[in-house]
Amino acid sequence: MSKKKSQRSGATGSGDPAVRASAELTVKQQRAEQRREKVAAYQRQQARDRLWRRIWSVVGSVAAAAVVVAIVVTVVLTPRAPSVSYEAGGSTGAVIDGVETFTNTSEHVEGTVDYPQSPPAGGPHNPVWLTCDVYTEPQVTENAVHSMEHGAVWVTYDAARVDDAELTALRGQLPSSYVILSPFEGLERPIVLSAWNAQLQLDSADDPRIAKFFTEYWRSQFAPEPNATCSGGVVGPGRA
């Protein structure tokens, strides 16, 4: 073998076993070091991933707890209307302080009516009744009077003098049917309860006479048509 060829073969091609073993060891060490670096990098990435998973787990738990707390607070603090019920046709002739009684005729008419009471406590009315419900806007009087003919109580209030809290308290004393709640313009008192031929004017929603009025006049047997429906009629504006 020539001298030049021997030089080109380098250390790895050396015929000296010691030199060749040393070169092979160096290559193995390099590969081992590369593997160690890859393993270390993978472990660092895994550690970072675990850390972020823990962080997001904590964030998620805190967010979930906040939602639960918000729901609980809403349920606890939101005023609930108590469940009330009255006996239909339970008129007993009880005398309620402040209740005025009238004598109104019942007939169907077209157009507007000039009622002797404001709000009315009966009288001529539109052929179509107002669907009994809660309304946030004033209603057509002639339709509401027809509902009263069926035994409904019309609860009217002055929106300028009855705030949201008092309105909620008022709604909590109403039955689930045969009642109309709506604002009414020009009331002498903040709240007025009207049944057929009976009316009670009130200053506040915490007046105990509200329950007494409903007990005596709600779906009264003395209404012209006490068993007629109070649903399926015309639906007024602002139905809640």
Protein backbone atom coordinates (compact mmCIF):
# COMPACT_ATOMS: atom_id res chain seq x y z
CA MET A 1 0.00 0.00 0.00
CA SER A 2 1.38 3.44 -0.93
CA LYS A 3 1.97 6.18 1.57
CA LYS A 4 -0.73 8.47 0.01
CA LYS A 5 -3.39 5.78 0.16
CA SER A 6 -2.55 5.11 3.75
CA GLN A 7 -2.98 8.78 4.63
CA ARG A 8 -6.39 8.98 2.86
CA SER A 9 -7.74 6.05 4.78
CA GLY A 10 -7.54 8.18 7.97
CA ALA A 11 -7.70 7.07 11.54
CA THR A 12 -10.86 4.95 11.12
CA GLY A 13 -9.24 2.96 8.40
CA SER A 14 -6.03 2.53 10.33
CA GLY A 15 -4.77 -0.90 10.72
CA ASP A 16 -3.88 -0.07 14.33
CA PRO A 17 -6.62 -1.70 16.50
CA ALA A 18 -6.11 0.78 19.32
CA VAL A 19 -6.60 3.77 17.07
CA ARG A 20 -9.66 2.22 15.45
CA ALA A 21 -11.26 1.39 18.82
CA SER A 22 -10.65 4.90 20.05
CA ALA A 23 -12.37 6.38 16.97
CA GLU A 24 -15.33 4.04 17.29
CA LEU A 25 -15.69 4.95 20.98
CA THR A 26 -15.72 8.62 20.12
CA VAL A 27 -18.56 8.12 17.61
CA LYS A 28 -20.58 6.11 20.15
CA GLN A 29 -20.07 8.78 22.75
CA GLN A 30 -21.32 11.43 20.35
CA ARG A 31 -24.41 9.41 19.52
CA ALA A 32 -25.04 8.68 23.18
CA GLU A 33 -24.72 12.36 24.00
CA GLN A 34 -27.17 13.23 21.22
CA ARG A 35 -29.63 10.69 22.59
CA ARG A 36 -29.23 12.12 26.09
CA GLU A 37 -29.90 15.61 24.77
CA LYS A 38 -33.03 14.42 22.93
CA VAL A 39 -34.29 12.61 26.03
CA ALA A 40 -33.59 15.65 28.19
CA ALA A 41 -35.39 17.93 25.71
CA TYR A 42 -38.38 15.55 25.62
CA GLN A 43 -38.48 15.41 29.42
CA ARG A 44 -38.37 19.20 29.64
CA GLN A 45 -41.25 19.45 27.14
CA GLN A 46 -43.23 16.87 29.11
CA ALA A 47 -42.64 18.83 32.31
CA ARG A 48 -43.83 22.03 30.67
CA ASP A 49 -46.93 20.26 29.35
CA ARG A 50 -47.71 18.88 32.81
CA LEU A 51 -47.28 22.33 34.33
CA TRP A 52 -49.65 23.94 31.84
CA ARG A 53 -52.18 21.16 32.35
CA ARG A 54 -52.09 21.81 36.10
CA ILE A 55 -52.42 25.55 35.55
CA TRP A 56 -55.41 25.17 33.23
CA SER A 57 -56.95 22.62 35.55
CA VAL A 58 -56.76 25.13 38.41
CA VAL A 59 -58.10 27.91 36.18
CA GLY A 60 -60.96 25.68 35.04
CA SER A 61 -61.79 24.70 38.60
CA VAL A 62 -61.80 28.33 39.73
CA ALA A 63 -63.99 29.33 36.79
CA ALA A 64 -66.41 26.48 37.48
CA ALA A 65 -66.54 27.43 41.15
CA ALA A 66 -67.24 31.04 40.18
CA VAL A 67 -70.13 29.94 37.96
CA VAL A 68 -71.59 27.82 40.76
CA VAL A 69 -71.28 30.70 43.22
CA ALA A 70 -72.95 33.06 40.75
CA ILE A 71 -75.84 30.64 40.28
CA VAL A 72 -76.26 30.15 44.02
CA VAL A 73 -76.17 33.90 44.66
CA THR A 74 -78.73 34.49 41.91
CA VAL A 75 -81.06 31.83 43.26
CA VAL A 76 -80.71 33.03 46.85
CA LEU A 77 -80.94 36.75 46.24
CA THR A 78 -83.52 36.85 43.44
CA PRO A 79 -86.90 37.59 45.00
CA ARG A 80 -89.37 34.84 44.40
CA ALA A 81 -93.07 35.37 44.09
CA PRO A 82 -94.81 33.27 46.72
CA SER A 83 -97.24 30.66 45.50
CA VAL A 84 -100.78 31.82 46.29
CA SER A 85 -104.16 30.37 45.57
CA TYR A 86 -107.72 31.47 46.15
CA GLU A 87 -110.96 29.56 46.04
CA ALA A 88 -112.99 30.28 42.93
CA GLY A 89 -116.38 31.74 43.66
CA GLY A 90 -115.55 32.04 47.34
CA SER A 91 -117.64 35.12 47.94
CA THR A 92 -118.86 35.18 51.54
CA GLY A 93 -120.22 38.69 51.82
CA ALA A 94 -117.27 39.72 53.99
CA VAL A 95 -116.92 43.45 54.54
CA ILE A 96 -113.49 44.73 53.52
CA ASP A 97 -112.52 48.19 54.67
CA GLY A 98 -112.23 50.58 51.73
CA VAL A 99 -114.02 48.44 49.13
CA GLU A 100 -116.53 50.37 47.05
CA THR A 101 -119.40 48.57 45.35
CA PHE A 102 -121.36 49.62 42.28
CA THR A 103 -124.20 48.56 40.03
CA ASN A 104 -123.06 48.20 36.42
CA THR A 105 -124.87 46.63 33.49
CA SER A 106 -123.32 44.03 31.22
CA GLU A 107 -123.68 44.34 27.46
CA HIS A 108 -121.52 44.08 24.36
CA VAL A 109 -120.86 47.28 22.47
CA GLU A 110 -118.51 48.55 19.79
CA GLY A 111 -116.13 51.47 20.21
CA THR A 112 -115.10 53.26 23.37
CA VAL A 113 -117.17 53.53 26.54
CA ASP A 114 -117.32 56.41 29.01
CA TYR A 115 -117.18 54.53 32.31
CA PRO A 116 -118.41 56.03 35.58
CA GLN A 117 -115.44 54.56 37.46
CA SER A 118 -111.78 54.90 36.53
CA PRO A 119 -110.57 52.25 36.18
CA PRO A 120 -113.92 50.61 35.46
CA ALA A 121 -115.54 48.09 37.77
CA GLY A 122 -117.86 46.68 35.12
CA GLY A 123 -120.20 48.04 32.51
CA PRO A 124 -120.66 47.77 28.74
CA HIS A 125 -117.63 46.25 27.03
CA ASN A 126 -116.11 44.99 23.80
CA PRO A 127 -117.40 41.62 22.50
CA VAL A 128 -113.85 40.18 22.79
CA TRP A 129 -112.22 39.79 26.20
CA LEU A 130 -108.58 40.48 27.04
CA THR A 131 -106.47 37.37 27.66
CA CYS A 132 -105.74 37.36 31.37
CA ASP A 133 -102.02 37.85 32.03
CA VAL A 134 -99.36 40.30 33.15
CA TYR A 135 -98.82 43.28 30.87
CA THR A 136 -96.23 46.03 30.99
CA GLU A 137 -98.27 48.49 28.94
CA PRO A 138 -101.78 49.97 29.34
CA GLN A 139 -104.59 47.87 27.88
CA VAL A 140 -107.80 48.61 25.99
CA THR A 141 -110.30 49.18 28.76
CA GLU A 142 -113.29 47.71 26.96
CA ASN A 143 -111.50 44.37 26.47
CA ALA A 144 -110.38 44.20 30.10
CA VAL A 145 -113.89 44.86 31.35
CA HIS A 146 -115.10 41.86 29.36
CA SER A 147 -112.52 39.72 31.23
CA MET A 148 -113.94 41.03 34.52
CA GLU A 149 -117.37 39.86 33.32
CA HIS A 150 -115.84 36.36 33.35
CA GLY A 151 -114.77 36.73 36.97
CA ALA A 152 -111.26 38.16 36.54
CA VAL A 153 -109.74 40.76 38.83
CA TRP A 154 -108.06 43.65 37.05
CA VAL A 155 -105.06 44.95 39.02
CA THR A 156 -103.95 48.35 37.77
CA TYR A 157 -101.06 50.49 38.99
CA ASP A 158 -99.46 53.87 38.42
CA ALA A 159 -96.08 53.11 36.85
CA ALA A 160 -94.68 56.42 38.11
CA ARG A 161 -95.48 55.59 41.74
CA VAL A 162 -94.91 51.82 41.86
CA ASP A 163 -91.25 50.79 41.57
CA ASP A 164 -89.89 47.42 40.48
CA ALA A 165 -89.56 46.03 44.02
CA GLU A 166 -93.16 46.89 44.88
CA LEU A 167 -94.38 45.56 41.55
CA THR A 168 -92.62 42.26 42.28
CA ALA A 169 -94.29 42.13 45.69
CA LEU A 170 -97.64 42.82 44.06
CA ARG A 171 -97.18 40.07 41.48
CA GLY A 172 -96.36 37.66 44.28
CA GLN A 173 -99.89 38.01 45.63
CA LEU A 174 -101.67 37.26 42.37
CA PRO A 175 -103.21 33.92 41.40
CA SER A 176 -102.01 32.14 38.29
CA SER A 177 -105.19 32.76 36.29
CA TYR A 178 -108.20 35.06 35.98
CA VAL A 179 -106.15 38.14 36.79
CA ILE A 180 -104.91 41.04 34.69
CA LEU A 181 -102.00 43.20 35.82
CA SER A 182 -101.26 46.34 33.84
CA PRO A 183 -100.33 49.99 34.26
CA PHE A 184 -103.17 52.50 34.03
CA GLU A 185 -102.99 56.24 33.53
CA GLY A 186 -104.75 58.72 35.78
CA LEU A 187 -105.17 56.61 38.92
CA GLU A 188 -106.01 58.44 42.14
CA ARG A 189 -104.01 55.90 44.19
CA PRO A 190 -100.89 53.91 43.21
CA ILE A 191 -102.69 50.54 43.05
CA VAL A 192 -106.32 49.71 42.31
CA LEU A 193 -108.01 46.29 42.43
CA SER A 194 -111.16 46.01 40.35
CA ALA A 195 -113.63 43.14 40.16
CA TRP A 196 -117.13 43.24 38.71
CA ASN A 197 -118.97 45.91 40.71
CA ALA A 198 -116.28 46.10 43.41
CA GLN A 199 -113.11 48.15 43.72
CA LEU A 200 -110.34 48.77 46.26
CA GLN A 201 -107.77 51.57 46.03
CA LEU A 202 -104.42 51.09 47.77
CA ASP A 203 -101.24 52.98 48.55
CA SER A 204 -98.79 50.05 48.62
CA ALA A 205 -98.33 46.41 47.67
CA ASP A 206 -97.91 45.27 51.27
CA ASP A 207 -101.51 46.08 52.18
CA PRO A 208 -103.10 42.94 53.74
CA ARG A 209 -106.43 43.80 52.11
CA ILE A 210 -105.08 42.57 48.74
CA ALA A 211 -105.43 38.93 49.79
CA LYS A 212 -108.83 39.63 51.33
CA PHE A 213 -110.06 41.22 48.11
CA PHE A 214 -109.00 38.22 46.03
CA THR A 215 -110.52 35.84 48.55
CA GLU A 216 -113.86 37.62 48.26
CA TYR A 217 -114.02 38.70 44.61
CA TRP A 218 -111.74 36.50 42.49
CA ARG A 219 -113.92 34.46 40.10
CA SER A 220 -116.91 35.67 42.08
CA GLN A 221 -120.19 33.88 41.56
CA PHE A 222 -121.75 37.32 41.28
CA ALA A 223 -119.87 38.17 38.07
CA PRO A 224 -122.19 38.02 35.03
CA GLU A 225 -120.35 35.03 33.48
CA PRO A 226 -118.27 33.46 36.29
CA ASN A 227 -117.45 30.24 34.45
CA ALA A 228 -116.42 31.74 31.11
CA THR A 229 -112.79 31.45 30.03
CA CYS A 230 -110.20 34.16 30.55
CA SER A 231 -107.77 32.83 27.95
CA GLY A 232 -107.88 32.77 24.18
CA GLY A 233 -109.04 36.36 23.86
CA VAL A 234 -107.23 39.33 22.41
CA VAL A 235 -103.60 39.68 23.55
CA GLY A 236 -102.75 43.25 24.47
CA PRO A 237 -99.41 45.03 24.04
CA GLY A 238 -96.56 44.40 26.46
CA ARG A 239 -97.51 40.89 27.49
CA ALA A 240 -94.85 39.77 29.96
